[in-house]
Amino acid sequence: SEYAKSPDFDASNIEHVMSTLNIGEEQITKLDIN
């Protein structure tokens, strides 16, 4: 919630969200639920 409340948080852009959260592609947890 600390990030989500920020006035400059742009949720429509996943790249911006990941940058704001300081998460790189290599840190994404990937699961196949099939």
Full PDB file with SEQRES, HELIX, SHEET, SSBOND, CRYST1, ORIGX, SCALE, CONECT and MASTER records, all heavy atoms in Angstrom:
SEQRES   1 A   34  SER GLU TYR ALA LYS SER PRO ASP PHE ASP ALA SER ASN          
SEQRES   2 A   34  ILE GLU HIS VAL MET SER THR LEU ASN ILE GLY GLU GLU          
SEQRES   3 A   34  GLN ILE THR LYS LEU ASP ILE ASN                              
HELIX    1 AA1 ILE A   14  THR A   20  1                                   7    
HELIX    2 AA2 GLU A   25  GLN A   27  5                                   3    
CRYST1    1.000    1.000    1.000  90.00  90.00  90.00 P 1           1          
ORIGX1      1.000000  0.000000  0.000000        0.00000                         
ORIGX2      0.000000  1.000000  0.000000        0.00000                         
ORIGX3      0.000000  0.000000  1.000000        0.00000                         
SCALE1      1.000000  0.000000  0.000000        0.00000                         
SCALE2      0.000000  1.000000  0.000000        0.00000                         
SCALE3      0.000000  0.000000  1.000000        0.00000                         
ATOM      1  N   SER A   1       0.810  -1.219   0.000  1.00  0.00           N  
ATOM      2  CA  SER A   1       0.000   0.000   0.000  1.00  0.00           C  
ATOM      3  C   SER A   1       0.845   1.271   0.000  1.00  0.00           C  
ATOM      4  O   SER A   1       0.420   2.290  -0.519  1.00  0.00           O  
ATOM      5  CB  SER A   1      -0.956   0.000   1.194  1.00  0.00           C  
ATOM      6  OG  SER A   1      -0.227  -0.057   2.405  1.00  0.00           O  
ATOM      7  N   GLU A   2       2.053   1.206   0.554  1.00  0.00           N  
ATOM      8  CA  GLU A   2       2.916   2.392   0.576  1.00  0.00           C  
ATOM      9  C   GLU A   2       3.219   2.888  -0.835  1.00  0.00           C  
ATOM     10  O   GLU A   2       3.308   4.081  -1.075  1.00  0.00           O  
ATOM     11  CB  GLU A   2       4.228   2.083   1.306  1.00  0.00           C  
ATOM     12  CG  GLU A   2       4.040   1.684   2.749  1.00  0.00           C  
ATOM     13  CD  GLU A   2       3.299   2.747   3.561  1.00  0.00           C  
ATOM     14  OE1 GLU A   2       3.618   3.940   3.438  1.00  0.00           O  
ATOM     15  OE2 GLU A   2       2.381   2.367   4.306  1.00  0.00           O  
ATOM     16  N   TYR A   3       3.405   1.965  -1.775  1.00  0.00           N  
ATOM     17  CA  TYR A   3       3.670   2.340  -3.163  1.00  0.00           C  
ATOM     18  C   TYR A   3       2.384   2.739  -3.872  1.00  0.00           C  
ATOM     19  O   TYR A   3       2.358   3.689  -4.645  1.00  0.00           O  
ATOM     20  CB  TYR A   3       4.314   1.184  -3.932  1.00  0.00           C  
ATOM     21  CG  TYR A   3       5.734   0.907  -3.550  1.00  0.00           C  
ATOM     22  CD1 TYR A   3       6.068  -0.240  -2.847  1.00  0.00           C  
ATOM     23  CD2 TYR A   3       6.758   1.779  -3.874  1.00  0.00           C  
ATOM     24  CE1 TYR A   3       7.374  -0.512  -2.486  1.00  0.00           C  
ATOM     25  CE2 TYR A   3       8.067   1.525  -3.523  1.00  0.00           C  
ATOM     26  CZ  TYR A   3       8.367   0.371  -2.838  1.00  0.00           C  
ATOM     27  OH  TYR A   3       9.659   0.108  -2.481  1.00  0.00           O  
ATOM     28  N   ALA A   4       1.326   1.979  -3.642  1.00  0.00           N  
ATOM     29  CA  ALA A   4       0.067   2.203  -4.357  1.00  0.00           C  
ATOM     30  C   ALA A   4      -0.520   3.576  -4.059  1.00  0.00           C  
ATOM     31  O   ALA A   4      -1.240   4.136  -4.873  1.00  0.00           O  
ATOM     32  CB  ALA A   4      -0.938   1.107  -4.016  1.00  0.00           C  
ATOM     33  N   LYS A   5      -0.215   4.137  -2.870  1.00  0.00           N  
ATOM     34  CA  LYS A   5      -0.756   5.444  -2.491  1.00  0.00           C  
ATOM     35  C   LYS A   5       0.005   6.609  -3.118  1.00  0.00           C  
ATOM     36  O   LYS A   5      -0.453   7.736  -3.085  1.00  0.00           O  
ATOM     37  CB  LYS A   5      -0.738   5.599  -0.964  1.00  0.00           C  
ATOM     38  CG  LYS A   5      -1.742   4.728  -0.253  1.00  0.00           C  
ATOM     39  CD  LYS A   5      -1.835   5.099   1.202  1.00  0.00           C  
ATOM     40  CE  LYS A   5      -0.958   4.210   2.024  1.00  0.00           C  
ATOM     41  NZ  LYS A   5      -1.040   4.440   3.455  1.00  0.00           N  
ATOM     42  N   SER A   6       1.169   6.328  -3.679  1.00  0.00           N  
ATOM     43  CA  SER A   6       2.006   7.387  -4.245  1.00  0.00           C  
ATOM     44  C   SER A   6       1.305   8.046  -5.432  1.00  0.00           C  
ATOM     45  O   SER A   6       0.788   7.357  -6.317  1.00  0.00           O  
ATOM     46  CB  SER A   6       3.340   6.799  -4.694  1.00  0.00           C  
ATOM     47  OG  SER A   6       4.093   7.759  -5.386  1.00  0.00           O  
ATOM     48  N   PRO A   7       1.293   9.385  -5.498  1.00  0.00           N  
ATOM     49  CA  PRO A   7       0.584  10.069  -6.593  1.00  0.00           C  
ATOM     50  C   PRO A   7       1.226   9.843  -7.967  1.00  0.00           C  
ATOM     51  O   PRO A   7       0.559   9.969  -8.974  1.00  0.00           O  
ATOM     52  CB  PRO A   7       0.646  11.546  -6.199  1.00  0.00           C  
ATOM     53  CG  PRO A   7       1.738  11.656  -5.198  1.00  0.00           C  
ATOM     54  CD  PRO A   7       1.870  10.315  -4.535  1.00  0.00           C  
ATOM     55  N   ASP A   8       2.499   9.467  -8.032  1.00  0.00           N  
ATOM     56  CA  ASP A   8       3.140   9.267  -9.326  1.00  0.00           C  
ATOM     57  C   ASP A   8       3.235   7.786  -9.716  1.00  0.00           C  
ATOM     58  O   ASP A   8       3.920   7.421 -10.648  1.00  0.00           O  
ATOM     59  CB  ASP A   8       4.530   9.912  -9.353  1.00  0.00           C  
ATOM     60  CG  ASP A   8       5.464   9.333  -8.299  1.00  0.00           C  
ATOM     61  OD1 ASP A   8       4.984   8.729  -7.338  1.00  0.00           O  
ATOM     62  OD2 ASP A   8       6.685   9.493  -8.459  1.00  0.00           O  
ATOM     63  N   PHE A   9       2.488   6.930  -9.007  1.00  0.00           N  
ATOM     64  CA  PHE A   9       2.485   5.497  -9.307  1.00  0.00           C  
ATOM     65  C   PHE A   9       1.582   5.241 -10.501  1.00  0.00           C  
ATOM     66  O   PHE A   9       0.394   5.521 -10.468  1.00  0.00           O  
ATOM     67  CB  PHE A   9       2.005   4.706  -8.080  1.00  0.00           C  
ATOM     68  CG  PHE A   9       2.077   3.222  -8.260  1.00  0.00           C  
ATOM     69  CD1 PHE A   9       3.297   2.574  -8.229  1.00  0.00           C  
ATOM     70  CD2 PHE A   9       0.933   2.480  -8.464  1.00  0.00           C  
ATOM     71  CE1 PHE A   9       3.376   1.198  -8.398  1.00  0.00           C  
ATOM     72  CE2 PHE A   9       0.996   1.106  -8.633  1.00  0.00           C  
ATOM     73  CZ  PHE A   9       2.220   0.471  -8.598  1.00  0.00           C  
ATOM     74  N   ASP A  10       2.151   4.707 -11.588  1.00  0.00           N  
ATOM     75  CA  ASP A  10       1.409   4.451 -12.828  1.00  0.00           C  
ATOM     76  C   ASP A  10       1.171   2.954 -12.976  1.00  0.00           C  
ATOM     77  O   ASP A  10       2.021   2.226 -13.489  1.00  0.00           O  
ATOM     78  CB  ASP A  10       2.194   4.987 -14.022  1.00  0.00           C  
ATOM     79  CG  ASP A  10       1.494   4.740 -15.345  1.00  0.00           C  
ATOM     80  OD1 ASP A  10       0.314   4.319 -15.349  1.00  0.00           O  
ATOM     81  OD2 ASP A  10       2.127   4.963 -16.395  1.00  0.00           O  
ATOM     82  N   ALA A  11       0.023   2.473 -12.521  1.00  0.00           N  
ATOM     83  CA  ALA A  11      -0.292   1.049 -12.540  1.00  0.00           C  
ATOM     84  C   ALA A  11      -0.572   0.537 -13.942  1.00  0.00           C  
ATOM     85  O   ALA A  11      -0.519  -0.668 -14.181  1.00  0.00           O  
ATOM     86  CB  ALA A  11      -1.496   0.772 -11.644  1.00  0.00           C  
ATOM     87  N   SER A  12      -0.846   1.410 -14.896  1.00  0.00           N  
ATOM     88  CA  SER A  12      -1.197   0.961 -16.244  1.00  0.00           C  
ATOM     89  C   SER A  12       0.009   0.433 -17.013  1.00  0.00           C  
ATOM     90  O   SER A  12      -0.141  -0.261 -18.004  1.00  0.00           O  
ATOM     91  CB  SER A  12      -1.850   2.104 -17.033  1.00  0.00           C  
ATOM     92  OG  SER A  12      -0.901   3.135 -17.261  1.00  0.00           O  
ATOM     93  N   ASN A  13       1.209   0.736 -16.562  1.00  0.00           N  
ATOM     94  CA  ASN A  13       2.429   0.342 -17.258  1.00  0.00           C  
ATOM     95  C   ASN A  13       3.190  -0.652 -16.393  1.00  0.00           C  
ATOM     96  O   ASN A  13       3.781  -0.267 -15.383  1.00  0.00           O  
ATOM     97  CB  ASN A  13       3.267   1.593 -17.541  1.00  0.00           C  
ATOM     98  CG  ASN A  13       4.532   1.286 -18.283  1.00  0.00           C  
ATOM     99  OD1 ASN A  13       5.083   0.193 -18.224  1.00  0.00           O  
ATOM    100  ND2 ASN A  13       5.023   2.289 -18.990  1.00  0.00           N  
ATOM    101  N   ILE A  14       3.211  -1.920 -16.792  1.00  0.00           N  
ATOM    102  CA  ILE A  14       3.865  -2.948 -15.974  1.00  0.00           C  
ATOM    103  C   ILE A  14       5.358  -2.673 -15.808  1.00  0.00           C  
ATOM    104  O   ILE A  14       5.932  -2.962 -14.756  1.00  0.00           O  
ATOM    105  CB  ILE A  14       3.602  -4.368 -16.525  1.00  0.00           C  
ATOM    106  CG1 ILE A  14       4.010  -5.419 -15.481  1.00  0.00           C  
ATOM    107  CG2 ILE A  14       4.299  -4.580 -17.849  1.00  0.00           C  
ATOM    108  CD1 ILE A  14       3.549  -6.820 -15.778  1.00  0.00           C  
ATOM    109  N   GLU A  15       5.997  -2.095 -16.806  1.00  0.00           N  
ATOM    110  CA  GLU A  15       7.428  -1.774 -16.689  1.00  0.00           C  
ATOM    111  C   GLU A  15       7.655  -0.717 -15.605  1.00  0.00           C  
ATOM    112  O   GLU A  15       8.605  -0.806 -14.834  1.00  0.00           O  
ATOM    113  CB  GLU A  15       7.985  -1.297 -18.036  1.00  0.00           C  
ATOM    114  CG  GLU A  15       7.891  -2.334 -19.142  1.00  0.00           C  
ATOM    115  CD  GLU A  15       8.631  -3.626 -18.834  1.00  0.00           C  
ATOM    116  OE1 GLU A  15       9.681  -3.583 -18.172  1.00  0.00           O  
ATOM    117  OE2 GLU A  15       8.141  -4.694 -19.251  1.00  0.00           O  
ATOM    118  N   HIS A  16       6.783   0.280 -15.552  1.00  0.00           N  
ATOM    119  CA  HIS A  16       6.885   1.312 -14.511  1.00  0.00           C  
ATOM    120  C   HIS A  16       6.643   0.703 -13.131  1.00  0.00           C  
ATOM    121  O   HIS A  16       7.342   1.024 -12.169  1.00  0.00           O  
ATOM    122  CB  HIS A  16       5.893   2.445 -14.774  1.00  0.00           C  
ATOM    123  CG  HIS A  16       5.862   3.464 -13.687  1.00  0.00           C  
ATOM    124  ND1 HIS A  16       6.824   4.442 -13.556  1.00  0.00           N  
ATOM    125  CD2 HIS A  16       5.011   3.642 -12.647  1.00  0.00           C  
ATOM    126  CE1 HIS A  16       6.560   5.173 -12.489  1.00  0.00           C  
ATOM    127  NE2 HIS A  16       5.462   4.708 -11.921  1.00  0.00           N  
ATOM    128  N   VAL A  17       5.654  -0.182 -13.031  1.00  0.00           N  
ATOM    129  CA  VAL A  17       5.344  -0.825 -11.753  1.00  0.00           C  
ATOM    130  C   VAL A  17       6.549  -1.612 -11.270  1.00  0.00           C  
ATOM    131  O   VAL A  17       6.971  -1.499 -10.123  1.00  0.00           O  
ATOM    132  CB  VAL A  17       4.102  -1.736 -11.882  1.00  0.00           C  
ATOM    133  CG1 VAL A  17       3.918  -2.586 -10.640  1.00  0.00           C  
ATOM    134  CG2 VAL A  17       2.859  -0.912 -12.154  1.00  0.00           C  
ATOM    135  N   MET A  18       7.125  -2.422 -12.154  1.00  0.00           N  
ATOM    136  CA  MET A  18       8.277  -3.238 -11.762  1.00  0.00           C  
ATOM    137  C   MET A  18       9.476  -2.372 -11.407  1.00  0.00           C  
ATOM    138  O   MET A  18      10.206  -2.668 -10.463  1.00  0.00           O  
ATOM    139  CB  MET A  18       8.613  -4.230 -12.871  1.00  0.00           C  
ATOM    140  CG  MET A  18       7.564  -5.329 -12.995  1.00  0.00           C  
ATOM    141  SD  MET A  18       7.783  -6.465 -14.381  1.00  0.00           S  
ATOM    142  CE  MET A  18       9.462  -6.995 -14.169  1.00  0.00           C  
ATOM    143  N   SER A  19       9.670  -1.283 -12.125  1.00  0.00           N  
ATOM    144  CA  SER A  19      10.765  -0.362 -11.811  1.00  0.00           C  
ATOM    145  C   SER A  19      10.559   0.286 -10.448  1.00  0.00           C  
ATOM    146  O   SER A  19      11.491   0.399  -9.650  1.00  0.00           O  
ATOM    147  CB  SER A  19      10.856   0.708 -12.904  1.00  0.00           C  
ATOM    148  OG  SER A  19      11.784   1.683 -12.557  1.00  0.00           O  
ATOM    149  N   THR A  20       9.332   0.709 -10.168  1.00  0.00           N  
ATOM    150  CA  THR A  20       9.022   1.321  -8.877  1.00  0.00           C  
ATOM    151  C   THR A  20       9.257   0.345  -7.734  1.00  0.00           C  
ATOM    152  O   THR A  20       9.775   0.707  -6.682  1.00  0.00           O  
ATOM    153  CB  THR A  20       7.558   1.808  -8.850  1.00  0.00           C  
ATOM    154  OG1 THR A  20       7.380   2.770  -9.896  1.00  0.00           O  
ATOM    155  CG2 THR A  20       7.205   2.440  -7.513  1.00  0.00           C  
ATOM    156  N   LEU A  21       8.899  -0.915  -7.948  1.00  0.00           N  
ATOM    157  CA  LEU A  21       9.079  -1.943  -6.925  1.00  0.00           C  
ATOM    158  C   LEU A  21      10.507  -2.490  -6.898  1.00  0.00           C  
ATOM    159  O   LEU A  21      10.836  -3.328  -6.072  1.00  0.00           O  
ATOM    160  CB  LEU A  21       8.095  -3.093  -7.149  1.00  0.00           C  
ATOM    161  CG  LEU A  21       6.619  -2.752  -6.995  1.00  0.00           C  
ATOM    162  CD1 LEU A  21       5.758  -3.952  -7.377  1.00  0.00           C  
ATOM    163  CD2 LEU A  21       6.310  -2.290  -5.587  1.00  0.00           C  
ATOM    164  N   ASN A  22      11.329  -2.020  -7.849  1.00  0.00           N  
ATOM    165  CA  ASN A  22      12.724  -2.453  -7.949  1.00  0.00           C  
ATOM    166  C   ASN A  22      12.813  -3.959  -8.222  1.00  0.00           C  
ATOM    167  O   ASN A  22      13.607  -4.675  -7.608  1.00  0.00           O  
ATOM    168  CB  ASN A  22      13.497  -2.074  -6.690  1.00  0.00           C  
ATOM    169  CG  ASN A  22      14.954  -1.803  -6.980  1.00  0.00           C  
ATOM    170  OD1 ASN A  22      15.348  -1.727  -8.128  1.00  0.00           O  
ATOM    171  ND2 ASN A  22      15.741  -1.680  -5.936  1.00  0.00           N  
ATOM    172  N   ILE A  23      11.965  -4.436  -9.156  1.00  0.00           N  
ATOM    173  CA  ILE A  23      11.917  -5.846  -9.516  1.00  0.00           C  
ATOM    174  C   ILE A  23      12.332  -5.979 -10.976  1.00  0.00           C  
ATOM    175  O   ILE A  23      11.742  -5.361 -11.855  1.00  0.00           O  
ATOM    176  CB  ILE A  23      10.499  -6.426  -9.315  1.00  0.00           C  
ATOM    177  CG1 ILE A  23      10.117  -6.371  -7.842  1.00  0.00           C  
ATOM    178  CG2 ILE A  23      10.411  -7.859  -9.846  1.00  0.00           C  
ATOM    179  CD1 ILE A  23       8.689  -6.772  -7.554  1.00  0.00           C  
ATOM    180  N   GLY A  24      13.344  -6.790 -11.224  1.00  0.00           N  
ATOM    181  CA  GLY A  24      13.795  -7.068 -12.588  1.00  0.00           C  
ATOM    182  C   GLY A  24      13.155  -8.338 -13.124  1.00  0.00           C  
ATOM    183  O   GLY A  24      12.573  -9.127 -12.377  1.00  0.00           O  
ATOM    184  N   GLU A  25      13.273  -8.541 -14.422  1.00  0.00           N  
ATOM    185  CA  GLU A  25      12.699  -9.732 -15.068  1.00  0.00           C  
ATOM    186  C   GLU A  25      13.191 -11.014 -14.400  1.00  0.00           C  
ATOM    187  O   GLU A  25      12.438 -11.973 -14.267  1.00  0.00           O  
ATOM    188  CB  GLU A  25      13.055  -9.764 -16.557  1.00  0.00           C  
ATOM    189  CG  GLU A  25      12.266  -8.805 -17.413  1.00  0.00           C  
ATOM    190  CD  GLU A  25      10.819  -9.219 -17.607  1.00  0.00           C  
ATOM    191  OE1 GLU A  25      10.535 -10.433 -17.686  1.00  0.00           O  
ATOM    192  OE2 GLU A  25       9.960  -8.337 -17.678  1.00  0.00           O  
ATOM    193  N   GLU A  26      14.447 -11.023 -13.987  1.00  0.00           N  
ATOM    194  CA  GLU A  26      15.021 -12.231 -13.381  1.00  0.00           C  
ATOM    195  C   GLU A  26      14.440 -12.531 -11.995  1.00  0.00           C  
ATOM    196  O   GLU A  26      14.598 -13.631 -11.468  1.00  0.00           O  
ATOM    197  CB  GLU A  26      16.547 -12.116 -13.294  1.00  0.00           C  
ATOM    198  CG  GLU A  26      17.065 -11.095 -12.315  1.00  0.00           C  
ATOM    199  CD  GLU A  26      16.979  -9.629 -12.786  1.00  0.00           C  
ATOM    200  OE1 GLU A  26      16.661  -9.366 -13.955  1.00  0.00           O  
ATOM    201  OE2 GLU A  26      17.241  -8.745 -11.947  1.00  0.00           O  
ATOM    202  N   GLN A  27      13.750 -11.567 -11.393  1.00  0.00           N  
ATOM    203  CA  GLN A  27      13.172 -11.757 -10.061  1.00  0.00           C  
ATOM    204  C   GLN A  27      11.696 -12.182 -10.099  1.00  0.00           C  
ATOM    205  O   GLN A  27      11.095 -12.392  -9.060  1.00  0.00           O  
ATOM    206  CB  GLN A  27      13.292 -10.463  -9.252  1.00  0.00           C  
ATOM    207  CG  GLN A  27      14.738 -10.092  -8.960  1.00  0.00           C  
ATOM    208  CD  GLN A  27      14.838  -8.698  -8.383  1.00  0.00           C  
ATOM    209  OE1 GLN A  27      14.541  -7.716  -9.060  1.00  0.00           O  
ATOM    210  NE2 GLN A  27      15.239  -8.613  -7.135  1.00  0.00           N  
ATOM    211  N   ILE A  28      11.136 -12.305 -11.293  1.00  0.00           N  
ATOM    212  CA  ILE A  28       9.738 -12.711 -11.427  1.00  0.00           C  
ATOM    213  C   ILE A  28       9.633 -14.206 -11.142  1.00  0.00           C  
ATOM    214  O   ILE A  28      10.372 -15.012 -11.715  1.00  0.00           O  
ATOM    215  CB  ILE A  28       9.201 -12.397 -12.829  1.00  0.00           C  
ATOM    216  CG1 ILE A  28       9.203 -10.884 -13.059  1.00  0.00           C  
ATOM    217  CG2 ILE A  28       7.801 -12.969 -13.023  1.00  0.00           C  
ATOM    218  CD1 ILE A  28       8.841 -10.489 -14.461  1.00  0.00           C  
ATOM    219  N   THR A  29       8.717 -14.567 -10.265  1.00  0.00           N  
ATOM    220  CA  THR A  29       8.433 -15.973  -9.994  1.00  0.00           C  
ATOM    221  C   THR A  29       7.548 -16.479 -11.115  1.00  0.00           C  
ATOM    222  O   THR A  29       6.487 -15.910 -11.383  1.00  0.00           O  
ATOM    223  CB  THR A  29       7.702 -16.122  -8.641  1.00  0.00           C  
ATOM    224  OG1 THR A  29       8.507 -15.547  -7.620  1.00  0.00           O  
ATOM    225  CG2 THR A  29       7.433 -17.579  -8.342  1.00  0.00           C  
ATOM    226  N   LYS A  30       7.996 -17.540 -11.816  1.00  0.00           N  
ATOM    227  CA  LYS A  30       7.247 -18.062 -12.969  1.00  0.00           C  
ATOM    228  C   LYS A  30       6.737 -19.457 -12.654  1.00  0.00           C  
ATOM    229  O   LYS A  30       7.491 -20.331 -12.249  1.00  0.00           O  
ATOM    230  CB  LYS A  30       8.132 -18.077 -14.206  1.00  0.00           C  
ATOM    231  CG  LYS A  30       8.558 -16.672 -14.616  1.00  0.00           C  
ATOM    232  CD  LYS A  30       9.321 -16.638 -15.894  1.00  0.00           C  
ATOM    233  CE  LYS A  30       9.674 -15.185 -16.212  1.00  0.00           C  
ATOM    234  NZ  LYS A  30      10.233 -15.003 -17.521  1.00  0.00           N  
ATOM    235  N   LEU A  31       5.419 -19.634 -12.847  1.00  0.00           N  
ATOM    236  CA  LEU A  31       4.776 -20.907 -12.554  1.00  0.00           C  
ATOM    237  C   LEU A  31       3.887 -21.327 -13.708  1.00  0.00           C  
ATOM    238  O   LEU A  31       3.229 -20.496 -14.328  1.00  0.00           O  
ATOM    239  CB  LEU A  31       3.893 -20.771 -11.304  1.00  0.00           C  
ATOM    240  CG  LEU A  31       4.577 -20.336 -10.024  1.00  0.00           C  
ATOM    241  CD1 LEU A  31       3.550 -19.977  -8.983  1.00  0.00           C  
ATOM    242  CD2 LEU A  31       5.478 -21.442  -9.514  1.00  0.00           C  
ATOM    243  N   ASP A  32       3.848 -22.612 -13.971  1.00  0.00           N  
ATOM    244  CA  ASP A  32       2.920 -23.185 -14.949  1.00  0.00           C  
ATOM    245  C   ASP A  32       1.931 -24.021 -14.153  1.00  0.00           C  
ATOM    246  O   ASP A  32       2.316 -25.016 -13.536  1.00  0.00           O  
ATOM    247  CB  ASP A  32       3.675 -24.032 -15.954  1.00  0.00           C  
ATOM    248  CG  ASP A  32       2.788 -24.479 -17.119  1.00  0.00           C  
ATOM    249  OD1 ASP A  32       1.541 -24.461 -16.979  1.00  0.00           O  
ATOM    250  OD2 ASP A  32       3.341 -24.856 -18.162  1.00  0.00           O  
ATOM    251  N   ILE A  33       0.653 -23.627 -14.145  1.00  0.00           N  
ATOM    252  CA  ILE A  33      -0.334 -24.344 -13.338  1.00  0.00           C  
ATOM    253  C   ILE A  33      -1.103 -25.391 -14.130  1.00  0.00           C  
ATOM    254  O   ILE A  33      -2.080 -25.934 -13.657  1.00  0.00           O  
ATOM    255  CB  ILE A  33      -1.310 -23.374 -12.615  1.00  0.00           C  
ATOM    256  CG1 ILE A  33      -2.088 -22.507 -13.592  1.00  0.00           C  
ATOM    257  CG2 ILE A  33      -0.549 -22.536 -11.620  1.00  0.00           C  
ATOM    258  CD1 ILE A  33      -3.151 -21.657 -12.935  1.00  0.00           C  
ATOM    259  N   ASN A  34      -0.676 -25.654 -15.345  1.00  0.00           N  
ATOM    260  CA  ASN A  34      -1.295 -26.709 -16.152  1.00  0.00           C  
ATOM    261  C   ASN A  34      -1.013 -28.061 -15.573  1.00  0.00           C  
ATOM    262  O   ASN A  34      -0.045 -28.389 -15.052  1.00  0.00           O  
ATOM    263  CB  ASN A  34      -0.778 -26.668 -17.590  1.00  0.00           C  
ATOM    264  CG  ASN A  34      -1.824 -26.140 -18.533  1.00  0.00           C  
ATOM    265  OD1 ASN A  34      -2.989 -26.091 -18.224  1.00  0.00           O  
ATOM    266  ND2 ASN A  34      -1.366 -25.742 -19.692  1.00  0.00           N  
TER     267      ASN A  34                                                      
MASTER        0    0    0    2    0    0    0    6  266    1    0    3          
END                                                                             
